[in-house]
Amino acid sequence: MYRYISIKTKISGEMKEDYADILNEYLREGYELVSMVPMYRRRYIPHHYDLIFKKM
């Protein structure tokens, strides 16, 4: 089973949410991080990150 989440970023490109807490929560539930891809709307500054988890 796969799970998809999106984490928004600030204008500076830094993550708004504490993504380490989100990653740890999914890892505790038995998920494995498959992909973490920055998605851009403006040049060089990521707008959000798409994360895909897989249930182990």
PDB file of N, CA and C in Angstrom:
ATOM      1  N   MET A   1       0.844  -1.173   0.000  1.00  0.00           N
ATOM      2  CA  MET A   1       0.000   0.000   0.000  1.00  0.00           C
ATOM      3  C   MET A   1       0.897   1.247   0.000  1.00  0.00           C
ATOM      4  N   TYR A   2       0.577   2.198  -0.846  1.00  0.00           N
ATOM      5  CA  TYR A   2       1.344   3.438  -0.946  1.00  0.00           C
ATOM      6  C   TYR A   2       0.562   4.585  -0.325  1.00  0.00           C
ATOM      7  N   ARG A   3       1.286   5.571   0.202  1.00  0.00           N
ATOM      8  CA  ARG A   3       0.676   6.746   0.805  1.00  0.00           C
ATOM      9  C   ARG A   3       1.381   7.965   0.241  1.00  0.00           C
ATOM     10  N   TYR A   4       0.626   8.979  -0.164  1.00  0.00           N
ATOM     11  CA  TYR A   4       1.187  10.194  -0.756  1.00  0.00           C
ATOM     12  C   TYR A   4       0.843  11.377   0.136  1.00  0.00           C
ATOM     13  N   ILE A   5       1.834  12.222   0.458  1.00  0.00           N
ATOM     14  CA  ILE A   5       1.558  13.469   1.159  1.00  0.00           C
ATOM     15  C   ILE A   5       2.355  14.590   0.504  1.00  0.00           C
ATOM     16  N   SER A   6       1.917  15.810   0.742  1.00  0.00           N
ATOM     17  CA  SER A   6       2.583  16.984   0.196  1.00  0.00           C
ATOM     18  C   SER A   6       2.883  17.934   1.349  1.00  0.00           C
ATOM     19  N   ILE A   7       4.113  18.439   1.415  1.00  0.00           N
ATOM     20  CA  ILE A   7       4.520  19.365   2.469  1.00  0.00           C
ATOM     21  C   ILE A   7       4.809  20.717   1.834  1.00  0.00           C
ATOM     22  N   LYS A   8       4.067  21.735   2.253  1.00  0.00           N
ATOM     23  CA  LYS A   8       4.246  23.086   1.714  1.00  0.00           C
ATOM     24  C   LYS A   8       5.548  23.699   2.222  1.00  0.00           C
ATOM     25  N   THR A   9       6.051  24.677   1.483  1.00  0.00           N
ATOM     26  CA  THR A   9       7.267  25.380   1.878  1.00  0.00           C
ATOM     27  C   THR A   9       6.984  26.872   2.028  1.00  0.00           C
ATOM     28  N   LYS A  10       7.924  27.565   2.689  1.00  0.00           N
ATOM     29  CA  LYS A  10       7.854  29.022   2.775  1.00  0.00           C
ATOM     30  C   LYS A  10       8.350  29.603   1.458  1.00  0.00           C
ATOM     31  N   ILE A  11       8.226  30.903   1.299  1.00  0.00           N
ATOM     32  CA  ILE A  11       8.707  31.565   0.082  1.00  0.00           C
ATOM     33  C   ILE A  11      10.210  31.347  -0.085  1.00  0.00           C
ATOM     34  N   SER A  12      10.935  31.236   1.042  1.00  0.00           N
ATOM     35  CA  SER A  12      12.390  31.043   0.994  1.00  0.00           C
ATOM     36  C   SER A  12      12.776  29.650   0.516  1.00  0.00           C
ATOM     37  N   GLY A  13      11.797  28.746   0.444  1.00  0.00           N
ATOM     38  CA  GLY A  13      12.090  27.385   0.024  1.00  0.00           C
ATOM     39  C   GLY A  13      12.274  26.431   1.191  1.00  0.00           C
ATOM     40  N   GLU A  14      12.222  26.961   2.433  1.00  0.00           N
ATOM     41  CA  GLU A  14      12.336  26.100   3.609  1.00  0.00           C
ATOM     42  C   GLU A  14      10.975  25.483   3.907  1.00  0.00           C
ATOM     43  N   MET A  15      10.989  24.305   4.481  1.00  0.00           N
ATOM     44  CA  MET A  15       9.735  23.630   4.787  1.00  0.00           C
ATOM     45  C   MET A  15       9.030  24.320   5.947  1.00  0.00           C
ATOM     46  N   LYS A  16       7.718  24.554   5.793  1.00  0.00           N
ATOM     47  CA  LYS A  16       6.926  25.156   6.863  1.00  0.00           C
ATOM     48  C   LYS A  16       6.743  24.171   8.001  1.00  0.00           C
ATOM     49  N   GLU A  17       6.334  22.971   7.653  1.00  0.00           N
ATOM     50  CA  GLU A  17       6.052  21.962   8.665  1.00  0.00           C
ATOM     51  C   GLU A  17       7.345  21.256   9.057  1.00  0.00           C
ATOM     52  N   ASP A  18       7.365  20.719  10.240  1.00  0.00           N
ATOM     53  CA  ASP A  18       8.539  19.977  10.687  1.00  0.00           C
ATOM     54  C   ASP A  18       8.492  18.596  10.053  1.00  0.00           C
ATOM     55  N   TYR A  19       9.112  18.464   8.910  1.00  0.00           N
ATOM     56  CA  TYR A  19       8.998  17.225   8.144  1.00  0.00           C
ATOM     57  C   TYR A  19       9.642  16.045   8.851  1.00  0.00           C
ATOM     58  N   ALA A  20      10.596  16.289   9.765  1.00  0.00           N
ATOM     59  CA  ALA A  20      11.206  15.183  10.508  1.00  0.00           C
ATOM     60  C   ALA A  20      10.166  14.481  11.378  1.00  0.00           C
ATOM     61  N   ASP A  21       9.265  15.256  11.991  1.00  0.00           N
ATOM     62  CA  ASP A  21       8.193  14.657  12.795  1.00  0.00           C
ATOM     63  C   ASP A  21       7.260  13.832  11.927  1.00  0.00           C
ATOM     64  N   ILE A  22       6.961  14.337  10.733  1.00  0.00           N
ATOM     65  CA  ILE A  22       6.083  13.617   9.811  1.00  0.00           C
ATOM     66  C   ILE A  22       6.743  12.313   9.367  1.00  0.00           C
ATOM     67  N   LEU A  23       8.028  12.373   9.020  1.00  0.00           N
ATOM     68  CA  LEU A  23       8.752  11.162   8.609  1.00  0.00           C
ATOM     69  C   LEU A  23       8.788  10.128   9.727  1.00  0.00           C
ATOM     70  N   ASN A  24       9.091  10.571  10.944  1.00  0.00           N
ATOM     71  CA  ASN A  24       9.149   9.646  12.079  1.00  0.00           C
ATOM     72  C   ASN A  24       7.800   9.000  12.351  1.00  0.00           C
ATOM     73  N   GLU A  25       6.728   9.777  12.207  1.00  0.00           N
ATOM     74  CA  GLU A  25       5.383   9.236  12.428  1.00  0.00           C
ATOM     75  C   GLU A  25       5.085   8.100  11.447  1.00  0.00           C
ATOM     76  N   TYR A  26       5.396   8.305  10.176  1.00  0.00           N
ATOM     77  CA  TYR A  26       5.151   7.267   9.171  1.00  0.00           C
ATOM     78  C   TYR A  26       6.066   6.060   9.373  1.00  0.00           C
ATOM     79  N   LEU A  27       7.324   6.303   9.750  1.00  0.00           N
ATOM     80  CA  LEU A  27       8.254   5.192   9.986  1.00  0.00           C
ATOM     81  C   LEU A  27       7.799   4.332  11.165  1.00  0.00           C
ATOM     82  N   ARG A  28       7.257   4.970  12.207  1.00  0.00           N
ATOM     83  CA  ARG A  28       6.744   4.225  13.358  1.00  0.00           C
ATOM     84  C   ARG A  28       5.549   3.362  12.970  1.00  0.00           C
ATOM     85  N   GLU A  29       4.768   3.831  11.986  1.00  0.00           N
ATOM     86  CA  GLU A  29       3.591   3.085  11.537  1.00  0.00           C
ATOM     87  C   GLU A  29       3.952   1.974  10.558  1.00  0.00           C
ATOM     88  N   GLY A  30       5.248   1.818  10.244  1.00  0.00           N
ATOM     89  CA  GLY A  30       5.682   0.729   9.372  1.00  0.00           C
ATOM     90  C   GLY A  30       5.803   1.109   7.907  1.00  0.00           C
ATOM     91  N   TYR A  31       5.849   2.410   7.601  1.00  0.00           N
ATOM     92  CA  TYR A  31       6.021   2.862   6.225  1.00  0.00           C
ATOM     93  C   TYR A  31       7.497   3.076   5.919  1.00  0.00           C
ATOM     94  N   GLU A  32       7.841   3.017   4.651  1.00  0.00           N
ATOM     95  CA  GLU A  32       9.197   3.275   4.177  1.00  0.00           C
ATOM     96  C   GLU A  32       9.111   4.435   3.180  1.00  0.00           C
ATOM     97  N   LEU A  33      10.020   5.417   3.297  1.00  0.00           N
ATOM     98  CA  LEU A  33      10.025   6.551   2.370  1.00  0.00           C
ATOM     99  C   LEU A  33      10.564   6.087   1.022  1.00  0.00           C
ATOM    100  N   VAL A  34       9.743   6.212  -0.018  1.00  0.00           N
ATOM    101  CA  VAL A  34      10.120   5.764  -1.358  1.00  0.00           C
ATOM    102  C   VAL A  34      10.664   6.934  -2.172  1.00  0.00           C
ATOM    103  N   SER A  35      10.013   8.096  -2.055  1.00  0.00           N
ATOM    104  CA  SER A  35      10.384   9.224  -2.896  1.00  0.00           C
ATOM    105  C   SER A  35      10.092  10.540  -2.183  1.00  0.00           C
ATOM    106  N   MET A  36      11.008  11.504  -2.322  1.00  0.00           N
ATOM    107  CA  MET A  36      10.807  12.860  -1.806  1.00  0.00           C
ATOM    108  C   MET A  36      11.255  13.814  -2.904  1.00  0.00           C
ATOM    109  N   VAL A  37      10.298  14.435  -3.572  1.00  0.00           N
ATOM    110  CA  VAL A  37      10.582  15.226  -4.764  1.00  0.00           C
ATOM    111  C   VAL A  37      10.174  16.680  -4.552  1.00  0.00           C
ATOM    112  N   PRO A  38      11.106  17.638  -4.737  1.00  0.00           N
ATOM    113  CA  PRO A  38      10.714  19.042  -4.675  1.00  0.00           C
ATOM    114  C   PRO A  38       9.946  19.433  -5.938  1.00  0.00           C
ATOM    115  N   MET A  39       8.834  20.153  -5.759  1.00  0.00           N
ATOM    116  CA  MET A  39       8.020  20.613  -6.884  1.00  0.00           C
ATOM    117  C   MET A  39       8.132  22.135  -6.954  1.00  0.00           C
ATOM    118  N   TYR A  40       8.390  22.648  -8.143  1.00  0.00           N
ATOM    119  CA  TYR A  40       8.682  24.068  -8.311  1.00  0.00           C
ATOM    120  C   TYR A  40       7.557  24.792  -9.040  1.00  0.00           C
ATOM    121  N   ARG A  41       7.278  26.021  -8.605  1.00  0.00           N
ATOM    122  CA  ARG A  41       6.404  26.919  -9.353  1.00  0.00           C
ATOM    123  C   ARG A  41       7.209  28.091  -9.888  1.00  0.00           C
ATOM    124  N   ARG A  42       8.199  28.507  -9.091  1.00  0.00           N
ATOM    125  CA  ARG A  42       9.130  29.546  -9.536  1.00  0.00           C
ATOM    126  C   ARG A  42      10.491  28.909  -9.717  1.00  0.00           C
ATOM    127  N   ARG A  43      11.322  29.586 -10.414  1.00  0.00           N
ATOM    128  CA  ARG A  43      12.650  29.056 -10.677  1.00  0.00           C
ATOM    129  C   ARG A  43      13.478  28.956  -9.390  1.00  0.00           C
ATOM    130  N   TYR A  44      14.076  27.805  -9.145  1.00  0.00           N
ATOM    131  CA  TYR A  44      15.039  27.544  -8.075  1.00  0.00           C
ATOM    132  C   TYR A  44      14.465  27.490  -6.658  1.00  0.00           C
ATOM    133  N   ILE A  45      13.185  27.794  -6.460  1.00  0.00           N
ATOM    134  CA  ILE A  45      12.604  27.756  -5.117  1.00  0.00           C
ATOM    135  C   ILE A  45      11.473  26.734  -5.088  1.00  0.00           C
ATOM    136  N   PRO A  46      11.623  25.643  -4.328  1.00  0.00           N
ATOM    137  CA  PRO A  46      10.551  24.647  -4.285  1.00  0.00           C
ATOM    138  C   PRO A  46       9.292  25.206  -3.628  1.00  0.00           C
ATOM    139  N   HIS A  47       8.138  24.928  -4.218  1.00  0.00           N
ATOM    140  CA  HIS A  47       6.858  25.352  -3.665  1.00  0.00           C
ATOM    141  C   HIS A  47       6.375  24.346  -2.626  1.00  0.00           C
ATOM    142  N   HIS A  48       6.542  23.068  -2.924  1.00  0.00           N
ATOM    143  CA  HIS A  48       6.198  22.019  -1.965  1.00  0.00           C
ATOM    144  C   HIS A  48       6.992  20.764  -2.285  1.00  0.00           C
ATOM    145  N   TYR A  49       6.976  19.827  -1.372  1.00  0.00           N
ATOM    146  CA  TYR A  49       7.644  18.544  -1.557  1.00  0.00           C
ATOM    147  C   TYR A  49       6.584  17.453  -1.601  1.00  0.00           C
ATOM    148  N   ASP A  50       6.687  16.578  -2.573  1.00  0.00           N
ATOM    149  CA  ASP A  50       5.809  15.414  -2.649  1.00  0.00           C
ATOM    150  C   ASP A  50       6.554  14.221  -2.071  1.00  0.00           C
ATOM    151  N   LEU A  51       5.953  13.583  -1.074  1.00  0.00           N
ATOM    152  CA  LEU A  51       6.550  12.415  -0.439  1.00  0.00           C
ATOM    153  C   LEU A  51       5.676  11.204  -0.706  1.00  0.00           C
ATOM    154  N   ILE A  52       6.289  10.102  -1.057  1.00  0.00           N
ATOM    155  CA  ILE A  52       5.566   8.853  -1.277  1.00  0.00           C
ATOM    156  C   ILE A  52       6.128   7.812  -0.314  1.00  0.00           C
ATOM    157  N   PHE A  53       5.231   7.195   0.434  1.00  0.00           N
ATOM    158  CA  PHE A  53       5.597   6.155   1.389  1.00  0.00           C
ATOM    159  C   PHE A  53       5.016   4.832   0.936  1.00  0.00           C
ATOM    160  N   LYS A  54       5.702   3.750   1.289  1.00  0.00           N
ATOM    161  CA  LYS A  54       5.235   2.402   0.977  1.00  0.00           C
ATOM    162  C   LYS A  54       5.148   1.622   2.282  1.00  0.00           C
ATOM    163  N   LYS A  55       4.031   0.913   2.470  1.00  0.00           N
ATOM    164  CA  LYS A  55       3.864   0.083   3.669  1.00  0.00           C
ATOM    165  C   LYS A  55       4.758  -1.136   3.546  1.00  0.00           C
ATOM    166  N   MET A  56       5.621  -1.361   4.550  1.00  0.00           N
ATOM    167  CA  MET A  56       6.559  -2.481   4.500  1.00  0.00           C
ATOM    168  C   MET A  56       5.899  -3.766   4.977  1.00  0.00           C
TER     169      MET A  56
END
